[in-house]
Amino acid sequence: MTNPKTYRFEMDASSLEAFTGTLLLGTLEAMRAGQWPLDAGIWTLGRPKFRDPLERAGLPERLLQVLGEADELSALAELAGRPAADARLDQLIAGVRVQLESTACQFWNTRVLD
């Protein structure tokens, strides 16, 4: 088994909120549209190795809450049905959009390290 190639990103601290918010919004929108399964939140956004460094870096609480709830969406769908998960996704998406309003004039600056 070969190891997949990995990439590291480097960004200005001032870009963290806009970059993460944009990533969250795109992921949640893909889940809402059915393009990604609901358990994508468990395997992408909800992983401690993704969330914990962002928390230490000072990501706003609203975005941290979305990260924490994204891994519960598949369980919500199993317990209460897909409409309940979709309703929660709509709420999470709205929250991320509100948070991104504060970064509307701020472009994120990042680069990929080989």
PDB file of N, CA and C in Angstrom:
ATOM      1  N   MET A   1       0.839  -1.177   0.000  1.00  0.00           N
ATOM      2  CA  MET A   1       0.000   0.000   0.000  1.00  0.00           C
ATOM      3  C   MET A   1       0.885   1.241   0.000  1.00  0.00           C
ATOM      4  N   THR A   2       0.632   2.133  -0.912  1.00  0.00           N
ATOM      5  CA  THR A   2       1.425   3.355  -0.981  1.00  0.00           C
ATOM      6  C   THR A   2       0.747   4.453  -0.196  1.00  0.00           C
ATOM      7  N   ASN A   3       1.554   5.329   0.328  1.00  0.00           N
ATOM      8  CA  ASN A   3       1.017   6.469   1.056  1.00  0.00           C
ATOM      9  C   ASN A   3       0.599   7.549   0.070  1.00  0.00           C
ATOM     10  N   PRO A   4      -0.592   8.118   0.244  1.00  0.00           N
ATOM     11  CA  PRO A   4      -0.994   9.203  -0.657  1.00  0.00           C
ATOM     12  C   PRO A   4      -0.144  10.440  -0.390  1.00  0.00           C
ATOM     13  N   LYS A   5       0.058  11.213  -1.418  1.00  0.00           N
ATOM     14  CA  LYS A   5       0.806  12.462  -1.272  1.00  0.00           C
ATOM     15  C   LYS A   5      -0.008  13.415  -0.405  1.00  0.00           C
ATOM     16  N   THR A   6       0.652  14.114   0.459  1.00  0.00           N
ATOM     17  CA  THR A   6      -0.024  15.093   1.305  1.00  0.00           C
ATOM     18  C   THR A   6       0.527  16.480   1.011  1.00  0.00           C
ATOM     19  N   TYR A   7      -0.271  17.477   1.317  1.00  0.00           N
ATOM     20  CA  TYR A   7       0.111  18.874   1.140  1.00  0.00           C
ATOM     21  C   TYR A   7      -0.139  19.610   2.433  1.00  0.00           C
ATOM     22  N   ARG A   8       0.642  20.603   2.671  1.00  0.00           N
ATOM     23  CA  ARG A   8       0.462  21.474   3.834  1.00  0.00           C
ATOM     24  C   ARG A   8       0.127  22.869   3.322  1.00  0.00           C
ATOM     25  N   PHE A   9      -0.738  23.539   4.044  1.00  0.00           N
ATOM     26  CA  PHE A   9      -1.111  24.895   3.699  1.00  0.00           C
ATOM     27  C   PHE A   9      -0.507  25.851   4.709  1.00  0.00           C
ATOM     28  N   GLU A  10      -0.145  26.992   4.234  1.00  0.00           N
ATOM     29  CA  GLU A  10       0.346  28.064   5.102  1.00  0.00           C
ATOM     30  C   GLU A  10      -0.503  29.293   4.804  1.00  0.00           C
ATOM     31  N   MET A  11      -0.965  29.948   5.855  1.00  0.00           N
ATOM     32  CA  MET A  11      -1.783  31.139   5.645  1.00  0.00           C
ATOM     33  C   MET A  11      -1.474  32.177   6.708  1.00  0.00           C
ATOM     34  N   ASP A  12      -1.776  33.402   6.355  1.00  0.00           N
ATOM     35  CA  ASP A  12      -1.662  34.486   7.318  1.00  0.00           C
ATOM     36  C   ASP A  12      -2.702  34.272   8.413  1.00  0.00           C
ATOM     37  N   ALA A  13      -2.351  34.617   9.637  1.00  0.00           N
ATOM     38  CA  ALA A  13      -3.302  34.481  10.748  1.00  0.00           C
ATOM     39  C   ALA A  13      -4.571  35.272  10.477  1.00  0.00           C
ATOM     40  N   SER A  14      -4.438  36.398   9.806  1.00  0.00           N
ATOM     41  CA  SER A  14      -5.611  37.221   9.513  1.00  0.00           C
ATOM     42  C   SER A  14      -6.570  36.562   8.522  1.00  0.00           C
ATOM     43  N   SER A  15      -6.121  35.507   7.857  1.00  0.00           N
ATOM     44  CA  SER A  15      -6.952  34.801   6.874  1.00  0.00           C
ATOM     45  C   SER A  15      -7.707  33.617   7.459  1.00  0.00           C
ATOM     46  N   LEU A  16      -7.408  33.255   8.684  1.00  0.00           N
ATOM     47  CA  LEU A  16      -7.946  32.027   9.266  1.00  0.00           C
ATOM     48  C   LEU A  16      -9.476  31.985   9.260  1.00  0.00           C
ATOM     49  N   GLU A  17     -10.115  33.042   9.697  1.00  0.00           N
ATOM     50  CA  GLU A  17     -11.580  33.047   9.782  1.00  0.00           C
ATOM     51  C   GLU A  17     -12.220  32.951   8.400  1.00  0.00           C
ATOM     52  N   ALA A  18     -11.752  33.743   7.456  1.00  0.00           N
ATOM     53  CA  ALA A  18     -12.335  33.727   6.111  1.00  0.00           C
ATOM     54  C   ALA A  18     -12.082  32.386   5.423  1.00  0.00           C
ATOM     55  N   PHE A  19     -10.868  31.860   5.527  1.00  0.00           N
ATOM     56  CA  PHE A  19     -10.534  30.583   4.887  1.00  0.00           C
ATOM     57  C   PHE A  19     -11.369  29.452   5.476  1.00  0.00           C
ATOM     58  N   THR A  20     -11.404  29.355   6.797  1.00  0.00           N
ATOM     59  CA  THR A  20     -12.140  28.272   7.446  1.00  0.00           C
ATOM     60  C   THR A  20     -13.637  28.410   7.207  1.00  0.00           C
ATOM     61  N   GLY A  21     -14.152  29.630   7.282  1.00  0.00           N
ATOM     62  CA  GLY A  21     -15.570  29.848   7.034  1.00  0.00           C
ATOM     63  C   GLY A  21     -15.970  29.454   5.623  1.00  0.00           C
ATOM     64  N   THR A  22     -15.132  29.781   4.658  1.00  0.00           N
ATOM     65  CA  THR A  22     -15.399  29.415   3.270  1.00  0.00           C
ATOM     66  C   THR A  22     -15.359  27.902   3.087  1.00  0.00           C
ATOM     67  N   LEU A  23     -14.387  27.256   3.699  1.00  0.00           N
ATOM     68  CA  LEU A  23     -14.284  25.801   3.645  1.00  0.00           C
ATOM     69  C   LEU A  23     -15.506  25.145   4.296  1.00  0.00           C
ATOM     70  N   LEU A  24     -15.911  25.661   5.444  1.00  0.00           N
ATOM     71  CA  LEU A  24     -17.098  25.135   6.124  1.00  0.00           C
ATOM     72  C   LEU A  24     -18.344  25.297   5.265  1.00  0.00           C
ATOM     73  N   LEU A  25     -18.515  26.481   4.714  1.00  0.00           N
ATOM     74  CA  LEU A  25     -19.706  26.748   3.918  1.00  0.00           C
ATOM     75  C   LEU A  25     -19.783  25.814   2.717  1.00  0.00           C
ATOM     76  N   GLY A  26     -18.681  25.650   2.011  1.00  0.00           N
ATOM     77  CA  GLY A  26     -18.684  24.764   0.852  1.00  0.00           C
ATOM     78  C   GLY A  26     -18.975  23.318   1.222  1.00  0.00           C
ATOM     79  N   THR A  27     -18.401  22.867   2.314  1.00  0.00           N
ATOM     80  CA  THR A  27     -18.619  21.488   2.756  1.00  0.00           C
ATOM     81  C   THR A  27     -20.073  21.274   3.170  1.00  0.00           C
ATOM     82  N   LEU A  28     -20.605  22.202   3.951  1.00  0.00           N
ATOM     83  CA  LEU A  28     -21.999  22.080   4.391  1.00  0.00           C
ATOM     84  C   LEU A  28     -22.969  22.167   3.217  1.00  0.00           C
ATOM     85  N   GLU A  29     -22.697  23.050   2.279  1.00  0.00           N
ATOM     86  CA  GLU A  29     -23.561  23.170   1.095  1.00  0.00           C
ATOM     87  C   GLU A  29     -23.536  21.881   0.275  1.00  0.00           C
ATOM     88  N   ALA A  30     -22.369  21.248   0.144  1.00  0.00           N
ATOM     89  CA  ALA A  30     -22.275  19.988  -0.596  1.00  0.00           C
ATOM     90  C   ALA A  30     -23.054  18.887   0.119  1.00  0.00           C
ATOM     91  N   MET A  31     -22.998  18.874   1.436  1.00  0.00           N
ATOM     92  CA  MET A  31     -23.755  17.899   2.203  1.00  0.00           C
ATOM     93  C   MET A  31     -25.252  18.157   2.050  1.00  0.00           C
ATOM     94  N   ARG A  32     -25.641  19.412   2.113  1.00  0.00           N
ATOM     95  CA  ARG A  32     -27.062  19.775   1.999  1.00  0.00           C
ATOM     96  C   ARG A  32     -27.611  19.403   0.626  1.00  0.00           C
ATOM     97  N   ALA A  33     -26.789  19.576  -0.410  1.00  0.00           N
ATOM     98  CA  ALA A  33     -27.217  19.275  -1.778  1.00  0.00           C
ATOM     99  C   ALA A  33     -27.176  17.783  -2.087  1.00  0.00           C
ATOM    100  N   GLY A  34     -26.676  16.976  -1.158  1.00  0.00           N
ATOM    101  CA  GLY A  34     -26.577  15.544  -1.383  1.00  0.00           C
ATOM    102  C   GLY A  34     -25.368  15.152  -2.213  1.00  0.00           C
ATOM    103  N   GLN A  35     -24.461  16.088  -2.458  1.00  0.00           N
ATOM    104  CA  GLN A  35     -23.255  15.792  -3.219  1.00  0.00           C
ATOM    105  C   GLN A  35     -22.211  15.081  -2.367  1.00  0.00           C
ATOM    106  N   TRP A  36     -22.264  15.296  -1.079  1.00  0.00           N
ATOM    107  CA  TRP A  36     -21.425  14.600  -0.099  1.00  0.00           C
ATOM    108  C   TRP A  36     -22.347  13.972   0.922  1.00  0.00           C
ATOM    109  N   PRO A  37     -22.007  12.804   1.448  1.00  0.00           N
ATOM    110  CA  PRO A  37     -22.858  12.177   2.467  1.00  0.00           C
ATOM    111  C   PRO A  37     -22.785  12.955   3.786  1.00  0.00           C
ATOM    112  N   LEU A  38     -23.790  12.771   4.612  1.00  0.00           N
ATOM    113  CA  LEU A  38     -23.816  13.466   5.894  1.00  0.00           C
ATOM    114  C   LEU A  38     -22.667  13.059   6.808  1.00  0.00           C
ATOM    115  N   ASP A  39     -22.165  11.859   6.657  1.00  0.00           N
ATOM    116  CA  ASP A  39     -21.052  11.474   7.521  1.00  0.00           C
ATOM    117  C   ASP A  39     -19.724  12.094   7.084  1.00  0.00           C
ATOM    118  N   ALA A  40     -19.744  12.907   6.034  1.00  0.00           N
ATOM    119  CA  ALA A  40     -18.540  13.661   5.668  1.00  0.00           C
ATOM    120  C   ALA A  40     -18.116  14.573   6.809  1.00  0.00           C
ATOM    121  N   GLY A  41     -19.077  15.031   7.603  1.00  0.00           N
ATOM    122  CA  GLY A  41     -18.746  15.888   8.744  1.00  0.00           C
ATOM    123  C   GLY A  41     -17.880  15.174   9.766  1.00  0.00           C
ATOM    124  N   ILE A  42     -18.112  13.887   9.938  1.00  0.00           N
ATOM    125  CA  ILE A  42     -17.316  13.105  10.887  1.00  0.00           C
ATOM    126  C   ILE A  42     -15.887  12.962  10.384  1.00  0.00           C
ATOM    127  N   TRP A  43     -15.754  12.746   9.095  1.00  0.00           N
ATOM    128  CA  TRP A  43     -14.442  12.415   8.532  1.00  0.00           C
ATOM    129  C   TRP A  43     -13.679  13.623   8.010  1.00  0.00           C
ATOM    130  N   THR A  44     -14.286  14.804   8.021  1.00  0.00           N
ATOM    131  CA  THR A  44     -13.581  16.005   7.558  1.00  0.00           C
ATOM    132  C   THR A  44     -13.572  17.067   8.649  1.00  0.00           C
ATOM    133  N   LEU A  45     -14.682  17.707   8.842  1.00  0.00           N
ATOM    134  CA  LEU A  45     -14.764  18.863   9.733  1.00  0.00           C
ATOM    135  C   LEU A  45     -14.697  18.519  11.214  1.00  0.00           C
ATOM    136  N   GLY A  46     -15.274  17.387  11.596  1.00  0.00           N
ATOM    137  CA  GLY A  46     -15.396  17.057  13.014  1.00  0.00           C
ATOM    138  C   GLY A  46     -14.185  16.403  13.642  1.00  0.00           C
ATOM    139  N   ARG A  47     -13.183  16.097  12.857  1.00  0.00           N
ATOM    140  CA  ARG A  47     -12.010  15.417  13.417  1.00  0.00           C
ATOM    141  C   ARG A  47     -11.227  16.336  14.347  1.00  0.00           C
ATOM    142  N   PRO A  48     -10.856  15.853  15.518  1.00  0.00           N
ATOM    143  CA  PRO A  48     -10.077  16.678  16.446  1.00  0.00           C
ATOM    144  C   PRO A  48      -8.781  17.214  15.839  1.00  0.00           C
ATOM    145  N   LYS A  49      -8.132  16.446  14.962  1.00  0.00           N
ATOM    146  CA  LYS A  49      -6.879  16.925  14.382  1.00  0.00           C
ATOM    147  C   LYS A  49      -7.112  18.084  13.417  1.00  0.00           C
ATOM    148  N   PHE A  50      -8.358  18.318  13.009  1.00  0.00           N
ATOM    149  CA  PHE A  50      -8.705  19.496  12.219  1.00  0.00           C
ATOM    150  C   PHE A  50      -9.188  20.623  13.127  1.00  0.00           C
ATOM    151  N   ARG A  51     -10.104  20.301  14.027  1.00  0.00           N
ATOM    152  CA  ARG A  51     -10.739  21.318  14.864  1.00  0.00           C
ATOM    153  C   ARG A  51      -9.807  21.883  15.938  1.00  0.00           C
ATOM    154  N   ASP A  52      -9.075  21.026  16.633  1.00  0.00           N
ATOM    155  CA  ASP A  52      -8.274  21.468  17.780  1.00  0.00           C
ATOM    156  C   ASP A  52      -7.242  22.545  17.429  1.00  0.00           C
ATOM    157  N   PRO A  53      -6.475  22.405  16.341  1.00  0.00           N
ATOM    158  CA  PRO A  53      -5.538  23.485  16.005  1.00  0.00           C
ATOM    159  C   PRO A  53      -6.239  24.805  15.683  1.00  0.00           C
ATOM    160  N   LEU A  54      -7.425  24.707  15.085  1.00  0.00           N
ATOM    161  CA  LEU A  54      -8.172  25.930  14.783  1.00  0.00           C
ATOM    162  C   LEU A  54      -8.649  26.611  16.062  1.00  0.00           C
ATOM    163  N   GLU A  55      -9.034  25.805  17.039  1.00  0.00           N
ATOM    164  CA  GLU A  55      -9.440  26.358  18.333  1.00  0.00           C
ATOM    165  C   GLU A  55      -8.255  27.058  19.000  1.00  0.00           C
ATOM    166  N   ARG A  56      -7.101  26.405  18.994  1.00  0.00           N
ATOM    167  CA  ARG A  56      -5.907  27.014  19.590  1.00  0.00           C
ATOM    168  C   ARG A  56      -5.501  28.297  18.866  1.00  0.00           C
ATOM    169  N   ALA A  57      -5.799  28.362  17.576  1.00  0.00           N
ATOM    170  CA  ALA A  57      -5.428  29.538  16.786  1.00  0.00           C
ATOM    171  C   ALA A  57      -6.392  30.702  16.984  1.00  0.00           C
ATOM    172  N   GLY A  58      -7.501  30.471  17.693  1.00  0.00           N
ATOM    173  CA  GLY A  58      -8.434  31.556  17.975  1.00  0.00           C
ATOM    174  C   GLY A  58      -9.578  31.699  16.991  1.00  0.00           C
ATOM    175  N   LEU A  59      -9.946  30.615  16.312  1.00  0.00           N
ATOM    176  CA  LEU A  59     -11.099  30.670  15.417  1.00  0.00           C
ATOM    177  C   LEU A  59     -12.334  31.086  16.223  1.00  0.00           C
ATOM    178  N   PRO A  60     -13.182  31.963  15.696  1.00  0.00           N
ATOM    179  CA  PRO A  60     -14.361  32.411  16.439  1.00  0.00           C
ATOM    180  C   PRO A  60     -15.246  31.253  16.900  1.00  0.00           C
ATOM    181  N   GLU A  61     -15.848  31.429  18.039  1.00  0.00           N
ATOM    182  CA  GLU A  61     -16.667  30.384  18.669  1.00  0.00           C
ATOM    183  C   GLU A  61     -17.788  29.889  17.760  1.00  0.00           C
ATOM    184  N   ARG A  62     -18.421  30.770  17.025  1.00  0.00           N
ATOM    185  CA  ARG A  62     -19.526  30.347  16.155  1.00  0.00           C
ATOM    186  C   ARG A  62     -19.045  29.305  15.145  1.00  0.00           C
ATOM    187  N   LEU A  63     -17.871  29.512  14.566  1.00  0.00           N
ATOM    188  CA  LEU A  63     -17.343  28.544  13.606  1.00  0.00           C
ATOM    189  C   LEU A  63     -16.891  27.260  14.294  1.00  0.00           C
ATOM    190  N   LEU A  64     -16.347  27.375  15.490  1.00  0.00           N
ATOM    191  CA  LEU A  64     -15.978  26.181  16.253  1.00  0.00           C
ATOM    192  C   LEU A  64     -17.205  25.342  16.580  1.00  0.00           C
ATOM    193  N   GLN A  65     -18.317  25.995  16.884  1.00  0.00           N
ATOM    194  CA  GLN A  65     -19.552  25.260  17.166  1.00  0.00           C
ATOM    195  C   GLN A  65     -20.026  24.499  15.936  1.00  0.00           C
ATOM    196  N   VAL A  66     -19.919  25.120  14.775  1.00  0.00           N
ATOM    197  CA  VAL A  66     -20.316  24.442  13.541  1.00  0.00           C
ATOM    198  C   VAL A  66     -19.431  23.224  13.316  1.00  0.00           C
ATOM    199  N   LEU A  67     -18.137  23.370  13.543  1.00  0.00           N
ATOM    200  CA  LEU A  67     -17.231  22.226  13.416  1.00  0.00           C
ATOM    201  C   LEU A  67     -17.656  21.092  14.342  1.00  0.00           C
ATOM    202  N   GLY A  68     -18.036  21.441  15.568  1.00  0.00           N
ATOM    203  CA  GLY A  68     -18.452  20.427  16.536  1.00  0.00           C
ATOM    204  C   GLY A  68     -19.757  19.754  16.177  1.00  0.00           C
ATOM    205  N   GLU A  69     -20.661  20.481  15.563  1.00  0.00           N
ATOM    206  CA  GLU A  69     -21.962  19.910  15.217  1.00  0.00           C
ATOM    207  C   GLU A  69     -21.956  19.159  13.898  1.00  0.00           C
ATOM    208  N   ALA A  70     -21.000  19.441  13.042  1.00  0.00           N
ATOM    209  CA  ALA A  70     -20.976  18.804  11.726  1.00  0.00           C
ATOM    210  C   ALA A  70     -20.834  17.297  11.832  1.00  0.00           C
ATOM    211  N   ASP A  71     -20.182  16.832  12.889  1.00  0.00           N
ATOM    212  CA  ASP A  71     -20.001  15.378  13.006  1.00  0.00           C
ATOM    213  C   ASP A  71     -21.223  14.679  13.593  1.00  0.00           C
ATOM    214  N   GLU A  72     -22.258  15.424  13.930  1.00  0.00           N
ATOM    215  CA  GLU A  72     -23.473  14.839  14.496  1.00  0.00           C
ATOM    216  C   GLU A  72     -24.598  14.712  13.470  1.00  0.00           C
ATOM    217  N   LEU A  73     -24.381  15.186  12.262  1.00  0.00           N
ATOM    218  CA  LEU A  73     -25.452  15.228  11.277  1.00  0.00           C
ATOM    219  C   LEU A  73     -25.905  13.844  10.820  1.00  0.00           C
ATOM    220  N   SER A  74     -24.974  12.932  10.635  1.00  0.00           N
ATOM    221  CA  SER A  74     -25.392  11.590  10.200  1.00  0.00           C
ATOM    222  C   SER A  74     -26.179  10.886  11.304  1.00  0.00           C
ATOM    223  N   ALA A  75     -25.795  11.095  12.558  1.00  0.00           N
ATOM    224  CA  ALA A  75     -26.539  10.507  13.674  1.00  0.00           C
ATOM    225  C   ALA A  75     -27.936  11.116  13.761  1.00  0.00           C
ATOM    226  N   LEU A  76     -28.032  12.419  13.549  1.00  0.00           N
ATOM    227  CA  LEU A  76     -29.337  13.075  13.557  1.00  0.00           C
ATOM    228  C   LEU A  76     -30.227  12.502  12.464  1.00  0.00           C
ATOM    229  N   ALA A  77     -29.679  12.281  11.283  1.00  0.00           N
ATOM    230  CA  ALA A  77     -30.462  11.709  10.186  1.00  0.00           C
ATOM    231  C   ALA A  77     -30.944  10.307  10.528  1.00  0.00           C
ATOM    232  N   GLU A  78     -30.097   9.514  11.189  1.00  0.00           N
ATOM    233  CA  GLU A  78     -30.494   8.156  11.570  1.00  0.00           C
ATOM    234  C   GLU A  78     -31.591   8.172  12.623  1.00  0.00           C
ATOM    235  N   LEU A  79     -31.496   9.091  13.573  1.00  0.00           N
ATOM    236  CA  LEU A  79     -32.468   9.136  14.668  1.00  0.00           C
ATOM    237  C   LEU A  79     -33.773   9.834  14.301  1.00  0.00           C
ATOM    238  N   ALA A  80     -33.677  10.943  13.565  1.00  0.00           N
ATOM    239  CA  ALA A  80     -34.860  11.764  13.319  1.00  0.00           C
ATOM    240  C   ALA A  80     -35.216  11.889  11.839  1.00  0.00           C
ATOM    241  N   GLY A  81     -34.402  11.327  10.951  1.00  0.00           N
ATOM    242  CA  GLY A  81     -34.682  11.386   9.519  1.00  0.00           C
ATOM    243  C   GLY A  81     -33.903  12.481   8.810  1.00  0.00           C
ATOM    244  N   ARG A  82     -33.792  12.310   7.514  1.00  0.00           N
ATOM    245  CA  ARG A  82     -33.032  13.274   6.699  1.00  0.00           C
ATOM    246  C   ARG A  82     -33.619  14.682   6.760  1.00  0.00           C
ATOM    247  N   PRO A  83     -34.944  14.862   6.801  1.00  0.00           N
ATOM    248  CA  PRO A  83     -35.473  16.231   6.893  1.00  0.00           C
ATOM    249  C   PRO A  83     -34.969  16.980   8.135  1.00  0.00           C
ATOM    250  N   ALA A  84     -34.821  16.284   9.245  1.00  0.00           N
ATOM    251  CA  ALA A  84     -34.293  16.931  10.457  1.00  0.00           C
ATOM    252  C   ALA A  84     -32.832  17.328  10.260  1.00  0.00           C
ATOM    253  N   ALA A  85     -32.068  16.460   9.621  1.00  0.00           N
ATOM    254  CA  ALA A  85     -30.659  16.782   9.353  1.00  0.00           C
ATOM    255  C   ALA A  85     -30.558  17.952   8.378  1.00  0.00           C
ATOM    256  N   ASP A  86     -31.423  17.969   7.366  1.00  0.00           N
ATOM    257  CA  ASP A  86     -31.417  19.080   6.413  1.00  0.00           C
ATOM    258  C   ASP A  86     -31.772  20.402   7.093  1.00  0.00           C
ATOM    259  N   ALA A  87     -32.726  20.353   7.999  1.00  0.00           N
ATOM    260  CA  ALA A  87     -33.095  21.565   8.733  1.00  0.00           C
ATOM    261  C   ALA A  87     -31.920  22.062   9.569  1.00  0.00           C
ATOM    262  N   ARG A  88     -31.204  21.157  10.209  1.00  0.00           N
ATOM    263  CA  ARG A  88     -30.029  21.550  10.995  1.00  0.00           C
ATOM    264  C   ARG A  88     -28.925  22.072  10.089  1.00  0.00           C
ATOM    265  N   LEU A  89     -28.742  21.436   8.943  1.00  0.00           N
ATOM    266  CA  LEU A  89     -27.764  21.935   7.972  1.00  0.00           C
ATOM    267  C   LEU A  89     -28.098  23.369   7.556  1.00  0.00           C
ATOM    268  N   ASP A  90     -29.370  23.623   7.301  1.00  0.00           N
ATOM    269  CA  ASP A  90     -29.786  24.984   6.933  1.00  0.00           C
ATOM    270  C   ASP A  90     -29.406  25.983   8.024  1.00  0.00           C
ATOM    271  N   GLN A  91     -29.600  25.595   9.280  1.00  0.00           N
ATOM    272  CA  GLN A  91     -29.239  26.484  10.397  1.00  0.00           C
ATOM    273  C   GLN A  91     -27.734  26.690  10.474  1.00  0.00           C
ATOM    274  N   LEU A  92     -26.970  25.632  10.305  1.00  0.00           N
ATOM    275  CA  LEU A  92     -25.512  25.751  10.349  1.00  0.00           C
ATOM    276  C   LEU A  92     -25.000  26.622   9.205  1.00  0.00           C
ATOM    277  N   ILE A  93     -25.546  26.420   8.016  1.00  0.00           N
ATOM    278  CA  ILE A  93     -25.153  27.219   6.855  1.00  0.00           C
ATOM    279  C   ILE A  93     -25.461  28.693   7.101  1.00  0.00           C
ATOM    280  N   ALA A  94     -26.636  28.976   7.649  1.00  0.00           N
ATOM    281  CA  ALA A  94     -27.002  30.369   7.944  1.00  0.00           C
ATOM    282  C   ALA A  94     -26.036  30.987   8.955  1.00  0.00           C
ATOM    283  N   GLY A  95     -25.651  30.217   9.966  1.00  0.00           N
ATOM    284  CA  GLY A  95     -24.703  30.716  10.956  1.00  0.00           C
ATOM    285  C   GLY A  95     -23.336  31.024  10.367  1.00  0.00           C
ATOM    286  N   VAL A  96     -22.873  30.157   9.477  1.00  0.00           N
ATOM    287  CA  VAL A  96     -21.575  30.395   8.826  1.00  0.00           C
ATOM    288  C   VAL A  96     -21.667  31.634   7.935  1.00  0.00           C
ATOM    289  N   ARG A  97     -22.775  31.782   7.228  1.00  0.00           N
ATOM    290  CA  ARG A  97     -22.946  32.969   6.372  1.00  0.00           C
ATOM    291  C   ARG A  97     -22.898  34.259   7.194  1.00  0.00           C
ATOM    292  N   VAL A  98     -23.552  34.257   8.336  1.00  0.00           N
ATOM    293  CA  VAL A  98     -23.514  35.439   9.208  1.00  0.00           C
ATOM    294  C   VAL A  98     -22.084  35.719   9.639  1.00  0.00           C
ATOM    295  N   GLN A  99     -21.366  34.684  10.032  1.00  0.00           N
ATOM    296  CA  GLN A  99     -19.982  34.862  10.464  1.00  0.00           C
ATOM    297  C   GLN A  99     -19.112  35.382   9.320  1.00  0.00           C
ATOM    298  N   LEU A 100     -19.356  34.903   8.115  1.00  0.00           N
ATOM    299  CA  LEU A 100     -18.555  35.336   6.970  1.00  0.00           C
ATOM    300  C   LEU A 100     -18.815  36.789   6.587  1.00  0.00           C
ATOM    301  N   GLU A 101     -19.960  37.319   6.983  1.00  0.00           N
ATOM    302  CA  GLU A 101     -20.241  38.727   6.686  1.00  0.00           C
ATOM    303  C   GLU A 101     -19.163  39.642   7.254  1.00  0.00           C
ATOM    304  N   SER A 102     -18.600  39.261   8.385  1.00  0.00           N
ATOM    305  CA  SER A 102     -17.560  40.093   9.004  1.00  0.00           C
ATOM    306  C   SER A 102     -16.239  40.029   8.240  1.00  0.00           C
ATOM    307  N   THR A 103     -16.129  39.084   7.300  1.00  0.00           N
ATOM    308  CA  THR A 103     -14.892  38.952   6.524  1.00  0.00           C
ATOM    309  C   THR A 103     -15.129  39.268   5.051  1.00  0.00           C
ATOM    310  N   ALA A 104     -16.248  39.907   4.739  1.00  0.00           N
ATOM    311  CA  ALA A 104     -16.657  40.107   3.345  1.00  0.00           C
ATOM    312  C   ALA A 104     -15.621  40.850   2.500  1.00  0.00           C
ATOM    313  N   CYS A 105     -14.879  41.727   3.085  1.00  0.00           N
ATOM    314  CA  CYS A 105     -13.884  42.492   2.328  1.00  0.00           C
ATOM    315  C   CYS A 105     -12.482  41.944   2.526  1.00  0.00           C
ATOM    316  N   GLN A 106     -12.381  40.793   3.126  1.00  0.00           N
ATOM    317  CA  GLN A 106     -11.077  40.208   3.443  1.00  0.00           C
ATOM    318  C   GLN A 106     -10.884  38.942   2.625  1.00  0.00           C
ATOM    319  N   PHE A 107      -9.928  38.962   1.747  1.00  0.00           N
ATOM    320  CA  PHE A 107      -9.599  37.757   0.997  1.00  0.00           C
ATOM    321  C   PHE A 107      -8.627  36.940   1.806  1.00  0.00           C
ATOM    322  N   TRP A 108      -8.757  35.624   1.732  1.00  0.00           N
ATOM    323  CA  TRP A 108      -7.791  34.813   2.462  1.00  0.00           C
ATOM    324  C   TRP A 108      -6.538  34.642   1.625  1.00  0.00           C
ATOM    325  N   ASN A 109      -5.434  34.613   2.325  1.00  0.00           N
ATOM    326  CA  ASN A 109      -4.131  34.500   1.687  1.00  0.00           C
ATOM    327  C   ASN A 109      -3.458  33.231   2.188  1.00  0.00           C
ATOM    328  N   THR A 110      -3.347  32.260   1.293  1.00  0.00           N
ATOM    329  CA  THR A 110      -2.751  30.996   1.667  1.00  0.00           C
ATOM    330  C   THR A 110      -1.886  30.489   0.525  1.00  0.00           C
ATOM    331  N   ARG A 111      -1.020  29.561   0.846  1.00  0.00           N
ATOM    332  CA  ARG A 111      -0.228  28.933  -0.198  1.00  0.00           C
ATOM    333  C   ARG A 111      -0.026  27.463   0.176  1.00  0.00           C
ATOM    334  N   VAL A 112       0.200  26.676  -0.848  1.00  0.00           N
ATOM    335  CA  VAL A 112       0.431  25.249  -0.652  1.00  0.00           C
ATOM    336  C   VAL A 112       1.922  25.021  -0.582  1.00  0.00           C
ATOM    337  N   LEU A 113       2.338  24.297   0.452  1.00  0.00           N
ATOM    338  CA  LEU A 113       3.735  23.929   0.605  1.00  0.00           C
ATOM    339  C   LEU A 113       3.925  22.528   0.050  1.00  0.00           C
ATOM    340  N   ASP A 114       4.953  22.317  -0.706  1.00  0.00           N
ATOM    341  CA  ASP A 114       5.216  20.981  -1.259  1.00  0.00           C
ATOM    342  C   ASP A 114       5.743  20.046  -0.209  1.00  0.00           C
TER     343      ASP A 114
END
